[in-house]
C-alpha atoms as a PDB file:
ATOM      1  CA  MET A   1      27.409 -22.856 -27.100  1.00  0.00           C
ATOM      2  CA  THR A   2      23.722 -22.285 -26.347  1.00  0.00           C
ATOM      3  CA  ASP A   3      21.266 -24.495 -24.502  1.00  0.00           C
ATOM      4  CA  PRO A   4      18.046 -24.914 -26.551  1.00  0.00           C
ATOM      5  CA  THR A   5      16.124 -26.119 -23.452  1.00  0.00           C
ATOM      6  CA  ARG A   6      16.363 -22.776 -21.652  1.00  0.00           C
ATOM      7  CA  SER A   7      13.099 -21.095 -20.819  1.00  0.00           C
ATOM      8  CA  PRO A   8      12.503 -17.437 -19.963  1.00  0.00           C
ATOM      9  CA  LEU A   9      11.982 -16.414 -16.367  1.00  0.00           C
ATOM     10  CA  PRO A  10       8.326 -15.913 -15.411  1.00  0.00           C
ATOM     11  CA  MET A  11       7.046 -12.372 -14.922  1.00  0.00           C
ATOM     12  CA  ALA A  12       5.635 -11.344 -11.572  1.00  0.00           C
ATOM     13  CA  SER A  13       1.846 -11.216 -11.603  1.00  0.00           C
ATOM     14  CA  THR A  14       1.711  -8.008  -9.543  1.00  0.00           C
ATOM     15  CA  GLY A  15       4.034  -5.140  -8.875  1.00  0.00           C
ATOM     16  CA  CYS A  16       7.052  -4.317 -10.977  1.00  0.00           C
ATOM     17  CA  ALA A  17      10.359  -6.010 -11.666  1.00  0.00           C
ATOM     18  CA  CYS A  18      11.976  -4.579  -8.525  1.00  0.00           C
ATOM     19  CA  CYS A  19       9.457  -6.124  -6.082  1.00  0.00           C
ATOM     20  CA  ALA A  20       8.398  -9.674  -5.287  1.00  0.00           C
ATOM     21  CA  PRO A  21       4.635 -10.314  -5.452  1.00  0.00           C
ATOM     22  CA  ALA A  22       4.381 -11.137  -1.714  1.00  0.00           C
ATOM     23  CA  THR A  23       6.038  -7.838  -0.812  1.00  0.00           C
ATOM     24  CA  ALA A  24       3.764  -5.915  -3.159  1.00  0.00           C
ATOM     25  CA  THR A  25       0.488  -7.184  -1.776  1.00  0.00           C
ATOM     26  CA  ASP A  26       0.854  -7.248   1.994  1.00  0.00           C
ATOM     27  CA  HIS A  27       1.930  -4.021   3.638  1.00  0.00           C
ATOM     28  CA  ALA A  28       0.566  -4.107   7.149  1.00  0.00           C
ATOM     29  CA  THR A  29       2.292  -2.065   9.806  1.00  0.00           C
ATOM     30  CA  ALA A  30       1.218  -2.100  13.436  1.00  0.00           C
ATOM     31  CA  ALA A  31       2.744  -0.327  16.405  1.00  0.00           C
ATOM     32  CA  ALA A  32       4.350  -2.747  18.850  1.00  0.00           C
ATOM     33  CA  GLY A  33       2.100  -3.912  21.649  1.00  0.00           C
ATOM     34  CA  THR A  34      -1.102  -2.401  20.262  1.00  0.00           C
ATOM     35  CA  ALA A  35      -4.320  -4.066  19.275  1.00  0.00           C
ATOM     36  CA  SER A  36      -6.111  -3.234  16.047  1.00  0.00           C
ATOM     37  CA  ALA A  37      -9.038  -1.663  17.912  1.00  0.00           C
ATOM     38  CA  GLY A  38     -10.120   1.865  17.085  1.00  0.00           C
ATOM     39  CA  SER A  39     -11.522   3.555  14.027  1.00  0.00           C
ATOM     40  CA  THR A  40     -10.987   1.723  10.736  1.00  0.00           C
ATOM     41  CA  ALA A  41     -11.638   3.235   7.320  1.00  0.00           C
ATOM     42  CA  ALA A  42     -10.872   2.124   3.765  1.00  0.00           C
ATOM     43  CA  TYR A  43      -9.735   4.457   0.996  1.00  0.00           C
ATOM     44  CA  ARG A  44      -9.230   3.882  -2.715  1.00  0.00           C
ATOM     45  CA  VAL A  45      -5.850   5.019  -4.012  1.00  0.00           C
ATOM     46  CA  GLU A  46      -4.799   5.337  -7.649  1.00  0.00           C
ATOM     47  CA  GLY A  47      -1.346   5.123  -9.160  1.00  0.00           C
ATOM     48  CA  MET A  48       0.485   2.541  -7.062  1.00  0.00           C
ATOM     49  CA  THR A  49       2.263  -0.159  -9.062  1.00  0.00           C
ATOM     50  CA  CYS A  50       4.653  -1.964  -6.720  1.00  0.00           C
ATOM     51  CA  GLY A  51       5.787  -2.661  -3.186  1.00  0.00           C
ATOM     52  CA  HIS A  52       7.841   0.521  -3.056  1.00  0.00           C
ATOM     53  CA  CYS A  53       4.710   2.548  -3.880  1.00  0.00           C
ATOM     54  CA  ALA A  54       2.801   0.816  -1.091  1.00  0.00           C
ATOM     55  CA  SER A  55       5.684   1.399   1.340  1.00  0.00           C
ATOM     56  CA  SER A  56       5.677   5.125   0.534  1.00  0.00           C
ATOM     57  CA  VAL A  57       1.946   5.423   1.202  1.00  0.00           C
ATOM     58  CA  THR A  58       2.259   3.348   4.389  1.00  0.00           C
ATOM     59  CA  GLU A  59       5.074   5.574   5.655  1.00  0.00           C
ATOM     60  CA  GLU A  60       3.080   8.786   5.106  1.00  0.00           C
ATOM     61  CA  LEU A  61      -0.083   7.401   6.686  1.00  0.00           C
ATOM     62  CA  THR A  62       1.631   5.939   9.751  1.00  0.00           C
ATOM     63  CA  ALA A  63       3.133   9.381  10.390  1.00  0.00           C
ATOM     64  CA  LEU A  64      -0.392  10.733  11.049  1.00  0.00           C
ATOM     65  CA  GLU A  65      -1.248  11.109  14.730  1.00  0.00           C
ATOM     66  CA  GLY A  66      -3.085   8.100  16.140  1.00  0.00           C
ATOM     67  CA  VAL A  67      -2.580   5.745  13.173  1.00  0.00           C
ATOM     68  CA  ARG A  68      -1.991   2.218  14.459  1.00  0.00           C
ATOM     69  CA  GLU A  69      -2.100   0.105  11.311  1.00  0.00           C
ATOM     70  CA  VAL A  70      -2.098   0.463   7.540  1.00  0.00           C
ATOM     71  CA  HIS A  71      -2.951  -2.411   5.208  1.00  0.00           C
ATOM     72  CA  ILE A  72      -2.747  -2.093   1.430  1.00  0.00           C
ATOM     73  CA  ASP A  73      -4.418  -4.441  -1.022  1.00  0.00           C
ATOM     74  CA  LEU A  74      -2.280  -3.501  -4.023  1.00  0.00           C
ATOM     75  CA  VAL A  75      -3.824  -3.600  -7.476  1.00  0.00           C
ATOM     76  CA  ALA A  76      -0.874  -2.776  -9.709  1.00  0.00           C
ATOM     77  CA  GLY A  77      -1.882  -0.221 -12.307  1.00  0.00           C
ATOM     78  CA  GLY A  78      -5.423   0.005 -10.924  1.00  0.00           C
ATOM     79  CA  THR A  79      -7.172   1.300  -7.840  1.00  0.00           C
ATOM     80  CA  SER A  80      -5.778  -0.139  -4.612  1.00  0.00           C
ATOM     81  CA  THR A  81      -7.603  -0.362  -1.300  1.00  0.00           C
ATOM     82  CA  VAL A  82      -5.838   1.194   1.675  1.00  0.00           C
ATOM     83  CA  THR A  83      -7.287   0.352   5.093  1.00  0.00           C
ATOM     84  CA  VAL A  84      -6.246   2.571   7.991  1.00  0.00           C
ATOM     85  CA  THR A  85      -6.858   1.799  11.668  1.00  0.00           C
ATOM     86  CA  ALA A  86      -6.383   4.719  14.038  1.00  0.00           C
ATOM     87  CA  GLU A  87      -7.147   5.610  17.635  1.00  0.00           C
ATOM     88  CA  HIS A  88      -9.694   8.151  16.368  1.00  0.00           C
ATOM     89  CA  PRO A  89     -11.434   8.807  13.039  1.00  0.00           C
ATOM     90  CA  LEU A  90      -9.208  10.590  10.523  1.00  0.00           C
ATOM     91  CA  SER A  91     -10.535  13.274   8.230  1.00  0.00           C
ATOM     92  CA  THR A  92     -10.537  12.475   4.528  1.00  0.00           C
ATOM     93  CA  GLU A  93      -8.462  15.627   4.050  1.00  0.00           C
ATOM     94  CA  GLU A  94      -5.713  14.308   6.380  1.00  0.00           C
ATOM     95  CA  VAL A  95      -5.591  11.052   4.459  1.00  0.00           C
ATOM     96  CA  ARG A  96      -5.696  12.818   1.066  1.00  0.00           C
ATOM     97  CA  VAL A  97      -2.732  15.035   1.985  1.00  0.00           C
ATOM     98  CA  ALA A  98      -0.691  12.058   3.265  1.00  0.00           C
ATOM     99  CA  VAL A  99      -1.420  10.032   0.116  1.00  0.00           C
ATOM    100  CA  GLU A 100      -0.538  12.995  -2.108  1.00  0.00           C
ATOM    101  CA  ASP A 101       2.692  13.573  -0.135  1.00  0.00           C
ATOM    102  CA  ALA A 102       3.610   9.993  -1.072  1.00  0.00           C
ATOM    103  CA  GLY A 103       2.958  10.848  -4.742  1.00  0.00           C
ATOM    104  CA  TYR A 104      -0.453   9.248  -5.303  1.00  0.00           C
ATOM    105  CA  ALA A 105      -4.118  10.264  -5.294  1.00  0.00           C
ATOM    106  CA  LEU A 106      -7.328   9.215  -3.588  1.00  0.00           C
ATOM    107  CA  ALA A 107      -9.760   7.881  -6.170  1.00  0.00           C
ATOM    108  CA  THR A 108     -12.840   9.944  -6.766  1.00  0.00           C
ATOM    109  CA  ALA A 109     -16.289   8.360  -6.445  1.00  0.00           C
END
């Protein structure tokens, strides 16, 4: 017996099937008891498609000395914006290595 009124489940608008859209677009991590003051820089990262991707990049970046907060504006399948707030300015090379360790790449100009 089949129900002819069944409709297919909607697809998520961002991320992949394993991640909910809210999880895929808001990955902010701040150390407890710290303000978001300091040096803030935005980087463009290619290759991320879901919340797990964003979590991997966040984990690598927060491991860098002085990083207080990482926020990712995920553009699944495109170029995402990663904003990093740290106690001191980070070198682009430090950020590039961390992003590559997570399996992704900084976008070129």
